[in-house]
C-alpha cells in the first residue's frame, strides 16, 4: 500500500513538471518568425528556405499591427475594438500615428 501511494506521488510530481515544460515551449514558439511561400500560403516554416512544392524562396510572414481606437474629443479614451466613447457617446476612430505640432507649423510668410 505504501509503495502504491509512493508511485502516485511520484507520478503526480513528474506529470506537473512535464505540463509546465510543454507550456513554456508553446509560449516561445508564438514569438518565433514564420515563413511562407507566396504561391502556396498553406506552406509554413519557422526557418527561411525554399518551398517544398515549387522551390521558391519562403518569405517572412508579417505580423498584423495592433489597431487602437480612440475618441476624437477625448484622446485619453482608447480601446482595442471600435465602439462608443463612454464620456460623450461618439464613435471611436482608428488612431493613426502621433501628431506632434511644433512652432514651424504656425509660421506665416511675411
PDB file of N, CA and C in Angstrom:
ATOM      1  N   UNK A   1       0.825  -1.194   0.000  1.00  0.00           N
ATOM      2  CA  UNK A   1       0.000   0.000   0.000  1.00  0.00           C
ATOM      3  C   UNK A   1       0.867   1.255   0.000  1.00  0.00           C
ATOM      4  N   UNK A   2       1.958   1.227   0.802  1.00  0.00           N
ATOM      5  CA  UNK A   2       2.847   2.390   0.851  1.00  0.00           C
ATOM      6  C   UNK A   2       3.532   2.600  -0.493  1.00  0.00           C
ATOM      7  N   UNK A   3       3.910   1.476  -1.136  1.00  0.00           N
ATOM      8  CA  UNK A   3       4.541   1.588  -2.449  1.00  0.00           C
ATOM      9  C   UNK A   3       3.582   2.195  -3.469  1.00  0.00           C
ATOM     10  N   UNK A   4       2.317   1.819  -3.401  1.00  0.00           N
ATOM     11  CA  UNK A   4       1.320   2.345  -4.323  1.00  0.00           C
ATOM     12  C   UNK A   4       1.156   3.857  -4.137  1.00  0.00           C
ATOM     13  N   UNK A   5       1.072   4.321  -2.907  1.00  0.00           N
ATOM     14  CA  UNK A   5       0.957   5.752  -2.637  1.00  0.00           C
ATOM     15  C   UNK A   5       2.215   6.494  -3.092  1.00  0.00           C
ATOM     16  N   UNK A   6       3.368   5.882  -2.875  1.00  0.00           N
ATOM     17  CA  UNK A   6       4.623   6.493  -3.304  1.00  0.00           C
ATOM     18  C   UNK A   6       4.642   6.656  -4.823  1.00  0.00           C
ATOM     19  N   UNK A   7       4.183   5.650  -5.549  1.00  0.00           N
ATOM     20  CA  UNK A   7       4.143   5.728  -7.009  1.00  0.00           C
ATOM     21  C   UNK A   7       3.175   6.818  -7.481  1.00  0.00           C
ATOM     22  N   UNK A   8       2.058   6.963  -6.824  1.00  0.00           N
ATOM     23  CA  UNK A   8       1.102   8.015  -7.196  1.00  0.00           C
ATOM     24  C   UNK A   8       1.715   9.390  -6.971  1.00  0.00           C
ATOM     25  N   UNK A   9       2.387   9.592  -5.842  1.00  0.00           N
ATOM     26  CA  UNK A   9       3.021  10.880  -5.551  1.00  0.00           C
ATOM     27  C   UNK A   9       4.107  11.185  -6.581  1.00  0.00           C
ATOM     28  N   UNK A  10       4.913  10.203  -6.923  1.00  0.00           N
ATOM     29  CA  UNK A  10       5.972  10.401  -7.909  1.00  0.00           C
ATOM     30  C   UNK A  10       5.356  10.730  -9.278  1.00  0.00           C
ATOM     31  N   UNK A  11       4.307  10.033  -9.654  1.00  0.00           N
ATOM     32  CA  UNK A  11       3.654  10.279 -10.937  1.00  0.00           C
ATOM     33  C   UNK A  11       3.091  11.694 -10.997  1.00  0.00           C
ATOM     34  N   UNK A  12       2.410  12.121  -9.969  1.00  0.00           N
ATOM     35  CA  UNK A  12       1.835  13.463  -9.955  1.00  0.00           C
ATOM     36  C   UNK A  12       2.918  14.539  -9.989  1.00  0.00           C
ATOM     37  N   UNK A  13       4.014  14.318  -9.293  1.00  0.00           N
ATOM     38  CA  UNK A  13       5.095  15.305  -9.275  1.00  0.00           C
ATOM     39  C   UNK A  13       5.748  15.422 -10.648  1.00  0.00           C
ATOM     40  N   UNK A  14       5.990  14.293 -11.304  1.00  0.00           N
ATOM     41  CA  UNK A  14       6.637  14.344 -12.623  1.00  0.00           C
ATOM     42  C   UNK A  14       5.681  14.837 -13.694  1.00  0.00           C
ATOM     43  N   UNK A  15       4.404  14.516 -13.606  1.00  0.00           N
ATOM     44  CA  UNK A  15       3.460  14.985 -14.633  1.00  0.00           C
ATOM     45  C   UNK A  15       3.299  16.502 -14.549  1.00  0.00           C
ATOM     46  N   UNK A  16       3.382  17.084 -13.364  1.00  0.00           N
ATOM     47  CA  UNK A  16       3.322  18.540 -13.232  1.00  0.00           C
ATOM     48  C   UNK A  16       4.501  19.205 -13.910  1.00  0.00           C
ATOM     49  N   UNK A  17       5.671  18.616 -13.808  1.00  0.00           N
ATOM     50  CA  UNK A  17       6.858  19.168 -14.474  1.00  0.00           C
ATOM     51  C   UNK A  17       6.719  19.074 -15.984  1.00  0.00           C
ATOM     52  N   UNK A  18       6.167  17.981 -16.479  1.00  0.00           N
ATOM     53  CA  UNK A  18       6.002  17.816 -17.920  1.00  0.00           C
ATOM     54  C   UNK A  18       5.026  18.839 -18.483  1.00  0.00           C
ATOM     55  N   UNK A  19       3.923  19.085 -17.768  1.00  0.00           N
ATOM     56  CA  UNK A  19       2.956  20.070 -18.239  1.00  0.00           C
ATOM     57  C   UNK A  19       3.540  21.468 -18.203  1.00  0.00           C
ATOM     58  N   UNK A  20       4.342  21.775 -17.212  1.00  0.00           N
ATOM     59  CA  UNK A  20       4.961  23.103 -17.118  1.00  0.00           C
ATOM     60  C   UNK A  20       5.928  23.320 -18.274  1.00  0.00           C
ATOM     61  N   UNK A  21       6.689  22.310 -18.649  1.00  0.00           N
ATOM     62  CA  UNK A  21       7.625  22.447 -19.764  1.00  0.00           C
ATOM     63  C   UNK A  21       6.888  22.606 -21.082  1.00  0.00           C
ATOM     64  N   UNK A  22       5.811  21.883 -21.298  1.00  0.00           N
ATOM     65  CA  UNK A  22       5.090  21.998 -22.564  1.00  0.00           C
ATOM     66  C   UNK A  22       4.472  23.385 -22.701  1.00  0.00           C
ATOM     67  N   UNK A  23       4.066  24.017 -21.621  1.00  0.00           N
ATOM     68  CA  UNK A  23       3.532  25.368 -21.683  1.00  0.00           C
ATOM     69  C   UNK A  23       4.591  26.365 -22.087  1.00  0.00           C
ATOM     70  N   UNK A  24       5.818  26.192 -21.614  1.00  0.00           N
ATOM     71  CA  UNK A  24       6.900  27.121 -21.962  1.00  0.00           C
ATOM     72  C   UNK A  24       7.247  27.043 -23.439  1.00  0.00           C
ATOM     73  N   UNK A  25       7.273  25.849 -24.000  1.00  0.00           N
ATOM     74  CA  UNK A  25       7.640  25.724 -25.402  1.00  0.00           C
ATOM     75  C   UNK A  25       6.573  26.337 -26.298  1.00  0.00           C
ATOM     76  N   UNK A  26       5.315  26.247 -25.930  1.00  0.00           N
ATOM     77  CA  UNK A  26       4.274  26.868 -26.724  1.00  0.00           C
ATOM     78  C   UNK A  26       4.420  28.383 -26.703  1.00  0.00           C
ATOM     79  N   UNK A  27       4.745  28.946 -25.560  1.00  0.00           N
ATOM     80  CA  UNK A  27       4.895  30.390 -25.445  1.00  0.00           C
ATOM     81  C   UNK A  27       6.080  30.871 -26.281  1.00  0.00           C
ATOM     82  N   UNK A  28       7.176  30.127 -26.261  1.00  0.00           N
ATOM     83  CA  UNK A  28       8.346  30.512 -27.036  1.00  0.00           C
ATOM     84  C   UNK A  28       8.067  30.436 -28.536  1.00  0.00           C
ATOM     85  N   UNK A  29       7.289  29.454 -28.977  1.00  0.00           N
ATOM     86  CA  UNK A  29       7.043  29.288 -30.404  1.00  0.00           C
ATOM     87  C   UNK A  29       6.132  30.366 -30.960  1.00  0.00           C
ATOM     88  N   UNK A  30       5.331  31.042 -30.129  1.00  0.00           N
ATOM     89  CA  UNK A  30       4.455  32.091 -30.641  1.00  0.00           C
ATOM     90  C   UNK A  30       5.242  33.341 -30.989  1.00  0.00           C
ATOM     91  N   UNK A  31       6.415  33.550 -30.398  1.00  0.00           N
ATOM     92  CA  UNK A  31       7.234  34.714 -30.689  1.00  0.00           C
ATOM     93  C   UNK A  31       8.191  34.465 -31.844  1.00  0.00           C
ATOM     94  N   UNK A  32       8.199  33.267 -32.405  1.00  0.00           N
ATOM     95  CA  UNK A  32       9.135  32.910 -33.448  1.00  0.00           C
ATOM     96  C   UNK A  32       8.661  33.455 -34.796  1.00  0.00           C
ATOM     97  N   UNK A  33       9.612  33.863 -35.650  1.00  0.00           N
ATOM     98  CA  UNK A  33       9.293  34.315 -37.008  1.00  0.00           C
ATOM     99  C   UNK A  33       8.876  33.122 -37.843  1.00  0.00           C
ATOM    100  N   UNK A  34       7.820  33.275 -38.620  1.00  0.00           N
ATOM    101  CA  UNK A  34       7.386  32.214 -39.513  1.00  0.00           C
ATOM    102  C   UNK A  34       7.552  32.673 -40.960  1.00  0.00           C
ATOM    103  N   UNK A  35       7.719  31.709 -41.841  1.00  0.00           N
ATOM    104  CA  UNK A  35       7.945  31.954 -43.257  1.00  0.00           C
ATOM    105  C   UNK A  35       6.917  31.180 -44.060  1.00  0.00           C
ATOM    106  N   UNK A  36       6.546  31.728 -45.217  1.00  0.00           N
ATOM    107  CA  UNK A  36       5.566  31.067 -46.073  1.00  0.00           C
ATOM    108  C   UNK A  36       5.928  31.276 -47.532  1.00  0.00           C
ATOM    109  N   UNK A  37       5.303  30.485 -48.399  1.00  0.00           N
ATOM    110  CA  UNK A  37       5.508  30.603 -49.842  1.00  0.00           C
ATOM    111  C   UNK A  37       4.431  31.541 -50.401  1.00  0.00           C
ATOM    112  N   UNK A  38       4.818  32.422 -51.315  1.00  0.00           N
ATOM    113  CA  UNK A  38       3.841  33.340 -51.891  1.00  0.00           C
ATOM    114  C   UNK A  38       2.850  32.624 -52.801  1.00  0.00           C
ATOM    115  N   UNK A  39       3.256  31.512 -53.358  1.00  0.00           N
ATOM    116  CA  UNK A  39       2.361  30.734 -54.227  1.00  0.00           C
ATOM    117  C   UNK A  39       1.552  29.694 -53.454  1.00  0.00           C
ATOM    118  N   UNK A  40       2.072  29.258 -52.324  1.00  0.00           N
ATOM    119  CA  UNK A  40       1.410  28.231 -51.513  1.00  0.00           C
ATOM    120  C   UNK A  40       1.336  28.716 -50.063  1.00  0.00           C
ATOM    121  N   UNK A  41       0.354  29.551 -49.719  1.00  0.00           N
ATOM    122  CA  UNK A  41       0.290  30.115 -48.364  1.00  0.00           C
ATOM    123  C   UNK A  41       0.069  29.081 -47.271  1.00  0.00           C
ATOM    124  N   UNK A  42      -0.327  27.868 -47.636  1.00  0.00           N
ATOM    125  CA  UNK A  42      -0.501  26.829 -46.622  1.00  0.00           C
ATOM    126  C   UNK A  42       0.831  26.217 -46.199  1.00  0.00           C
ATOM    127  N   UNK A  43       1.913  26.490 -46.936  1.00  0.00           N
ATOM    128  CA  UNK A  43       3.253  26.025 -46.564  1.00  0.00           C
ATOM    129  C   UNK A  43       3.817  27.013 -45.551  1.00  0.00           C
ATOM    130  N   UNK A  44       4.057  26.550 -44.333  1.00  0.00           N
ATOM    131  CA  UNK A  44       4.556  27.407 -43.252  1.00  0.00           C
ATOM    132  C   UNK A  44       5.785  26.751 -42.634  1.00  0.00           C
ATOM    133  N   UNK A  45       6.818  27.566 -42.386  1.00  0.00           N
ATOM    134  CA  UNK A  45       8.055  27.068 -41.794  1.00  0.00           C
ATOM    135  C   UNK A  45       8.553  28.080 -40.771  1.00  0.00           C
ATOM    136  N   UNK A  46       9.306  27.614 -39.795  1.00  0.00           N
ATOM    137  CA  UNK A  46       9.923  28.506 -38.807  1.00  0.00           C
ATOM    138  C   UNK A  46      11.346  28.873 -39.206  1.00  0.00           C
ATOM    139  N   UNK A  47      11.777  28.413 -40.368  1.00  0.00           N
ATOM    140  CA  UNK A  47      13.127  28.711 -40.858  1.00  0.00           C
ATOM    141  C   UNK A  47      13.039  29.178 -42.302  1.00  0.00           C
ATOM    142  N   UNK A  48      13.892  30.121 -42.720  1.00  0.00           N
ATOM    143  CA  UNK A  48      13.899  30.510 -44.132  1.00  0.00           C
ATOM    144  C   UNK A  48      14.402  29.343 -44.978  1.00  0.00           C
ATOM    145  N   UNK A  49      14.011  29.332 -46.223  1.00  0.00           N
ATOM    146  CA  UNK A  49      14.432  28.250 -47.110  1.00  0.00           C
ATOM    147  C   UNK A  49      13.605  28.269 -48.366  1.00  0.00           C
ATOM    148  N   UNK A  50      13.453  27.117 -48.994  1.00  0.00           N
ATOM    149  CA  UNK A  50      12.700  27.008 -50.236  1.00  0.00           C
ATOM    150  C   UNK A  50      11.406  26.238 -49.995  1.00  0.00           C
ATOM    151  N   UNK A  51      10.405  26.575 -50.791  1.00  0.00           N
ATOM    152  CA  UNK A  51       9.112  25.893 -50.724  1.00  0.00           C
ATOM    153  C   UNK A  51       9.294  24.458 -51.210  1.00  0.00           C
ATOM    154  N   UNK A  52       8.786  23.467 -50.475  1.00  0.00           N
ATOM    155  CA  UNK A  52       8.942  22.081 -50.906  1.00  0.00           C
ATOM    156  C   UNK A  52       8.114  21.750 -52.152  1.00  0.00           C
ATOM    157  N   UNK A  53       7.123  22.578 -52.479  1.00  0.00           N
ATOM    158  CA  UNK A  53       6.283  22.301 -53.646  1.00  0.00           C
ATOM    159  C   UNK A  53       6.845  22.888 -54.935  1.00  0.00           C
ATOM    160  N   UNK A  54       7.280  24.176 -54.876  1.00  0.00           N
ATOM    161  CA  UNK A  54       7.685  24.829 -56.122  1.00  0.00           C
ATOM    162  C   UNK A  54       9.135  25.313 -56.122  1.00  0.00           C
ATOM    163  N   UNK A  55       9.806  25.286 -54.979  1.00  0.00           N
ATOM    164  CA  UNK A  55      11.193  25.686 -54.913  1.00  0.00           C
ATOM    165  C   UNK A  55      11.434  27.178 -54.755  1.00  0.00           C
ATOM    166  N   UNK A  56      10.354  27.999 -54.665  1.00  0.00           N
ATOM    167  CA  UNK A  56      10.525  29.438 -54.467  1.00  0.00           C
ATOM    168  C   UNK A  56      11.007  29.702 -53.039  1.00  0.00           C
ATOM    169  N   UNK A  57      11.687  30.838 -52.849  1.00  0.00           N
ATOM    170  CA  UNK A  57      12.156  31.198 -51.515  1.00  0.00           C
ATOM    171  C   UNK A  57      10.968  31.559 -50.630  1.00  0.00           C
ATOM    172  N   UNK A  58      11.014  31.081 -49.391  1.00  0.00           N
ATOM    173  CA  UNK A  58       9.977  31.427 -48.424  1.00  0.00           C
ATOM    174  C   UNK A  58      10.200  32.858 -47.949  1.00  0.00           C
ATOM    175  N   UNK A  59       9.113  33.587 -47.714  1.00  0.00           N
ATOM    176  CA  UNK A  59       9.197  34.979 -47.270  1.00  0.00           C
ATOM    177  C   UNK A  59       8.658  35.086 -45.845  1.00  0.00           C
ATOM    178  N   UNK A  60       9.177  36.051 -45.064  1.00  0.00           N
ATOM    179  CA  UNK A  60       8.682  36.208 -43.692  1.00  0.00           C
ATOM    180  C   UNK A  60       7.213  36.621 -43.683  1.00  0.00           C
ATOM    181  N   UNK A  61       6.467  36.076 -42.732  1.00  0.00           N
ATOM    182  CA  UNK A  61       5.068  36.437 -42.555  1.00  0.00           C
ATOM    183  C   UNK A  61       5.024  37.697 -41.706  1.00  0.00           C
ATOM    184  N   UNK A  62       4.334  38.705 -42.206  1.00  0.00           N
ATOM    185  CA  UNK A  62       4.208  39.957 -41.455  1.00  0.00           C
ATOM    186  C   UNK A  62       3.181  39.772 -40.359  1.00  0.00           C
ATOM    187  N   UNK A  63       3.536  40.217 -39.173  1.00  0.00           N
ATOM    188  CA  UNK A  63       2.616  40.150 -38.057  1.00  0.00           C
ATOM    189  C   UNK A  63       1.654  41.326 -38.151  1.00  0.00           C
ATOM    190  N   UNK A  64       0.372  41.080 -37.894  1.00  0.00           N
ATOM    191  CA  UNK A  64      -0.585  42.178 -38.008  1.00  0.00           C
ATOM    192  C   UNK A  64      -0.313  43.247 -36.954  1.00  0.00           C
ATOM    193  N   UNK A  65      -0.414  44.505 -37.397  1.00  0.00           N
ATOM    194  CA  UNK A  65      -0.182  45.590 -36.444  1.00  0.00           C
ATOM    195  C   UNK A  65      -1.396  45.714 -35.539  1.00  0.00           C
ATOM    196  N   UNK A  66      -1.154  46.139 -34.336  1.00  0.00           N
ATOM    197  CA  UNK A  66      -2.254  46.308 -33.403  1.00  0.00           C
ATOM    198  C   UNK A  66      -2.952  47.634 -33.696  1.00  0.00           C
ATOM    199  N   UNK A  67      -4.262  47.594 -33.732  1.00  0.00           N
ATOM    200  CA  UNK A  67      -5.058  48.771 -34.023  1.00  0.00           C
ATOM    201  C   UNK A  67      -5.625  49.302 -32.716  1.00  0.00           C
ATOM    202  N   UNK A  68      -5.542  50.613 -32.541  1.00  0.00           N
ATOM    203  CA  UNK A  68      -6.072  51.262 -31.346  1.00  0.00           C
ATOM    204  C   UNK A  68      -7.134  52.249 -31.789  1.00  0.00           C
ATOM    205  N   UNK A  69      -8.263  52.220 -31.110  1.00  0.00           N
ATOM    206  CA  UNK A  69      -9.348  53.150 -31.389  1.00  0.00           C
ATOM    207  C   UNK A  69      -9.419  54.163 -30.263  1.00  0.00           C
ATOM    208  N   UNK A  70      -9.731  55.409 -30.623  1.00  0.00           N
ATOM    209  CA  UNK A  70      -9.786  56.484 -29.638  1.00  0.00           C
ATOM    210  C   UNK A  70     -10.936  57.425 -29.967  1.00  0.00           C
ATOM    211  N   UNK A  71     -11.313  58.228 -28.998  1.00  0.00           N
ATOM    212  CA  UNK A  71     -12.346  59.246 -29.197  1.00  0.00           C
ATOM    213  C   UNK A  71     -11.669  60.510 -29.693  1.00  0.00           C
ATOM    214  N   UNK A  72     -12.251  61.147 -30.706  1.00  0.00           N
ATOM    215  CA  UNK A  72     -11.639  62.368 -31.233  1.00  0.00           C
ATOM    216  C   UNK A  72     -11.772  63.536 -30.261  1.00  0.00           C
ATOM    217  N   UNK A  73     -12.729  63.492 -29.362  1.00  0.00           N
ATOM    218  CA  UNK A  73     -12.892  64.552 -28.367  1.00  0.00           C
ATOM    219  C   UNK A  73     -12.161  64.237 -27.054  1.00  0.00           C
ATOM    220  N   UNK A  74     -11.955  62.976 -26.773  1.00  0.00           N
ATOM    221  CA  UNK A  74     -11.302  62.538 -25.536  1.00  0.00           C
ATOM    222  C   UNK A  74     -10.184  61.562 -25.879  1.00  0.00           C
ATOM    223  N   UNK A  75      -8.993  62.057 -26.265  1.00  0.00           N
ATOM    224  CA  UNK A  75      -7.917  61.167 -26.713  1.00  0.00           C
ATOM    225  C   UNK A  75      -7.401  60.222 -25.627  1.00  0.00           C
ATOM    226  N   UNK A  76      -7.737  60.466 -24.374  1.00  0.00           N
ATOM    227  CA  UNK A  76      -7.299  59.557 -23.314  1.00  0.00           C
ATOM    228  C   UNK A  76      -8.118  58.271 -23.302  1.00  0.00           C
ATOM    229  N   UNK A  77      -9.258  58.267 -23.986  1.00  0.00           N
ATOM    230  CA  UNK A  77     -10.089  57.070 -24.101  1.00  0.00           C
ATOM    231  C   UNK A  77      -9.555  56.239 -25.255  1.00  0.00           C
ATOM    232  N   UNK A  78      -9.108  55.025 -24.974  1.00  0.00           N
ATOM    233  CA  UNK A  78      -8.609  54.127 -26.014  1.00  0.00           C
ATOM    234  C   UNK A  78      -9.232  52.753 -25.857  1.00  0.00           C
ATOM    235  N   UNK A  79      -9.292  52.027 -26.973  1.00  0.00           N
ATOM    236  CA  UNK A  79      -9.854  50.690 -26.967  1.00  0.00           C
ATOM    237  C   UNK A  79      -9.216  49.880 -28.076  1.00  0.00           C
ATOM    238  N   UNK A  80      -9.206  48.568 -27.928  1.00  0.00           N
ATOM    239  CA  UNK A  80      -8.692  47.684 -28.962  1.00  0.00           C
ATOM    240  C   UNK A  80      -9.772  47.370 -29.994  1.00  0.00           C
ATOM    241  N   UNK A  81     -11.012  47.768 -29.710  1.00  0.00           N
ATOM    242  CA  UNK A  81     -12.137  47.468 -30.592  1.00  0.00           C
ATOM    243  C   UNK A  81     -12.928  48.738 -30.871  1.00  0.00           C
ATOM    244  N   UNK A  82     -13.563  48.844 -32.039  1.00  0.00           N
ATOM    245  CA  UNK A  82     -14.404  50.011 -32.294  1.00  0.00           C
ATOM    246  C   UNK A  82     -15.608  50.002 -31.358  1.00  0.00           C
ATOM    247  N   UNK A  83     -16.161  51.156 -31.122  1.00  0.00           N
ATOM    248  CA  UNK A  83     -17.307  51.259 -30.232  1.00  0.00           C
ATOM    249  C   UNK A  83     -17.658  52.710 -29.989  1.00  0.00           C
ATOM    250  N   UNK A  84     -18.245  53.002 -28.846  1.00  0.00           N
ATOM    251  CA  UNK A  84     -18.662  54.346 -28.479  1.00  0.00           C
ATOM    252  C   UNK A  84     -17.822  54.843 -27.310  1.00  0.00           C
ATOM    253  N   UNK A  85     -17.583  56.150 -27.278  1.00  0.00           N
ATOM    254  CA  UNK A  85     -16.872  56.780 -26.166  1.00  0.00           C
ATOM    255  C   UNK A  85     -17.773  56.761 -24.943  1.00  0.00           C
ATOM    256  N   UNK A  86     -17.276  56.312 -23.797  1.00  0.00           N
ATOM    257  CA  UNK A  86     -18.121  56.278 -22.599  1.00  0.00           C
ATOM    258  C   UNK A  86     -18.427  57.671 -22.053  1.00  0.00           C
ATOM    259  N   UNK A  87     -17.658  58.681 -22.428  1.00  0.00           N
ATOM    260  CA  UNK A  87     -17.900  60.036 -21.922  1.00  0.00           C
ATOM    261  C   UNK A  87     -18.936  60.791 -22.746  1.00  0.00           C
ATOM    262  N   UNK A  88     -18.804  60.734 -24.093  1.00  0.00           N
ATOM    263  CA  UNK A  88     -19.679  61.554 -24.930  1.00  0.00           C
ATOM    264  C   UNK A  88     -20.550  60.752 -25.894  1.00  0.00           C
ATOM    265  N   UNK A  89     -20.273  59.459 -26.070  1.00  0.00           N
ATOM    266  CA  UNK A  89     -21.077  58.624 -26.949  1.00  0.00           C
ATOM    267  C   UNK A  89     -20.681  58.671 -28.413  1.00  0.00           C
ATOM    268  N   UNK A  90     -19.628  59.432 -28.751  1.00  0.00           N
ATOM    269  CA  UNK A  90     -19.179  59.489 -30.144  1.00  0.00           C
ATOM    270  C   UNK A  90     -18.536  58.159 -30.536  1.00  0.00           C
ATOM    271  N   UNK A  91     -18.508  57.878 -31.838  1.00  0.00           N
ATOM    272  CA  UNK A  91     -17.854  56.667 -32.332  1.00  0.00           C
ATOM    273  C   UNK A  91     -16.350  56.782 -32.126  1.00  0.00           C
ATOM    274  N   UNK A  92     -15.729  55.682 -31.690  1.00  0.00           N
ATOM    275  CA  UNK A  92     -14.275  55.640 -31.584  1.00  0.00           C
ATOM    276  C   UNK A  92     -13.699  55.472 -32.986  1.00  0.00           C
ATOM    277  N   UNK A  93     -12.629  56.201 -33.274  1.00  0.00           N
ATOM    278  CA  UNK A  93     -11.992  56.143 -34.582  1.00  0.00           C
ATOM    279  C   UNK A  93     -10.615  55.518 -34.453  1.00  0.00           C
ATOM    280  N   UNK A  94     -10.115  54.946 -35.551  1.00  0.00           N
ATOM    281  CA  UNK A  94      -8.797  54.323 -35.540  1.00  0.00           C
ATOM    282  C   UNK A  94      -7.726  55.389 -35.340  1.00  0.00           C
ATOM    283  N   UNK A  95      -6.847  55.152 -34.382  1.00  0.00           N
ATOM    284  CA  UNK A  95      -5.767  56.091 -34.096  1.00  0.00           C
ATOM    285  C   UNK A  95      -4.671  55.886 -35.124  1.00  0.00           C
ATOM    286  N   UNK A  96      -4.267  56.965 -35.763  1.00  0.00           N
ATOM    287  CA  UNK A  96      -3.237  56.891 -36.800  1.00  0.00           C
ATOM    288  C   UNK A  96      -2.054  57.739 -36.399  1.00  0.00           C
ATOM    289  N   UNK A  97      -1.009  57.121 -35.913  1.00  0.00           N
ATOM    290  CA  UNK A  97       0.232  57.828 -35.575  1.00  0.00           C
ATOM    291  C   UNK A  97       0.024  58.931 -34.565  1.00  0.00           C
ATOM    292  N   UNK A  98       1.107  59.585 -34.215  1.00  0.00           N
ATOM    293  CA  UNK A  98       1.029  60.699 -33.280  1.00  0.00           C
ATOM    294  C   UNK A  98       1.227  61.988 -34.059  1.00  0.00           C
ATOM    295  N   UNK A  99       0.447  62.965 -33.750  1.00  0.00           N
ATOM    296  CA  UNK A  99       0.509  64.251 -34.431  1.00  0.00           C
ATOM    297  C   UNK A  99       1.124  65.270 -33.491  1.00  0.00           C
ATOM    298  N   UNK A 100       2.403  65.485 -33.642  1.00  0.00           N
ATOM    299  CA  UNK A 100       3.102  66.471 -32.825  1.00  0.00           C
ATOM    300  C   UNK A 100       3.219  67.759 -33.620  1.00  0.00           C
ATOM    301  N   UNK A 101       2.793  68.829 -33.018  1.00  0.00           N
ATOM    302  CA  UNK A 101       2.884  70.126 -33.689  1.00  0.00           C
ATOM    303  C   UNK A 101       4.068  70.879 -33.111  1.00  0.00           C
ATOM    304  N   UNK A 102       4.773  71.576 -33.966  1.00  0.00           N
ATOM    305  CA  UNK A 102       5.844  72.432 -33.485  1.00  0.00           C
ATOM    306  C   UNK A 102       5.599  73.850 -33.996  1.00  0.00           C
ATOM    307  N   UNK A 103       6.430  74.776 -33.573  1.00  0.00           N
ATOM    308  CA  UNK A 103       6.209  76.177 -33.901  1.00  0.00           C
ATOM    309  C   UNK A 103       6.355  76.465 -35.392  1.00  0.00           C
ATOM    310  N   UNK A 104       7.072  75.614 -36.133  1.00  0.00           N
ATOM    311  CA  UNK A 104       7.249  75.861 -37.558  1.00  0.00           C
ATOM    312  C   UNK A 104       5.948  75.672 -38.334  1.00  0.00           C
ATOM    313  N   UNK A 105       4.997  74.966 -37.775  1.00  0.00           N
ATOM    314  CA  UNK A 105       3.732  74.740 -38.446  1.00  0.00           C
ATOM    315  C   UNK A 105       2.853  75.986 -38.423  1.00  0.00           C
ATOM    316  N   UNK A 106       3.142  76.940 -37.548  1.00  0.00           N
ATOM    317  CA  UNK A 106       2.295  78.109 -37.390  1.00  0.00           C
ATOM    318  C   UNK A 106       2.916  79.384 -37.943  1.00  0.00           C
ATOM    319  N   UNK A 107       4.038  79.286 -38.587  1.00  0.00           N
ATOM    320  CA  UNK A 107       4.688  80.484 -39.117  1.00  0.00           C
ATOM    321  C   UNK A 107       4.037  80.894 -40.429  1.00  0.00           C
ATOM    322  N   UNK A 108       3.838  82.192 -40.561  1.00  0.00           N
ATOM    323  CA  UNK A 108       3.288  82.745 -41.787  1.00  0.00           C
ATOM    324  C   UNK A 108       4.356  83.550 -42.499  1.00  0.00           C
ATOM    325  N   UNK A 109       4.455  83.428 -43.811  1.00  0.00           N
ATOM    326  CA  UNK A 109       5.440  84.215 -44.523  1.00  0.00           C
ATOM    327  C   UNK A 109       5.094  85.705 -44.445  1.00  0.00           C
ATOM    328  N   UNK A 110       6.078  86.548 -44.313  1.00  0.00           N
ATOM    329  CA  UNK A 110       5.856  87.989 -44.222  1.00  0.00           C
ATOM    330  C   UNK A 110       6.224  88.671 -45.488  1.00  0.00           C
TER     331      UNK A 110
END
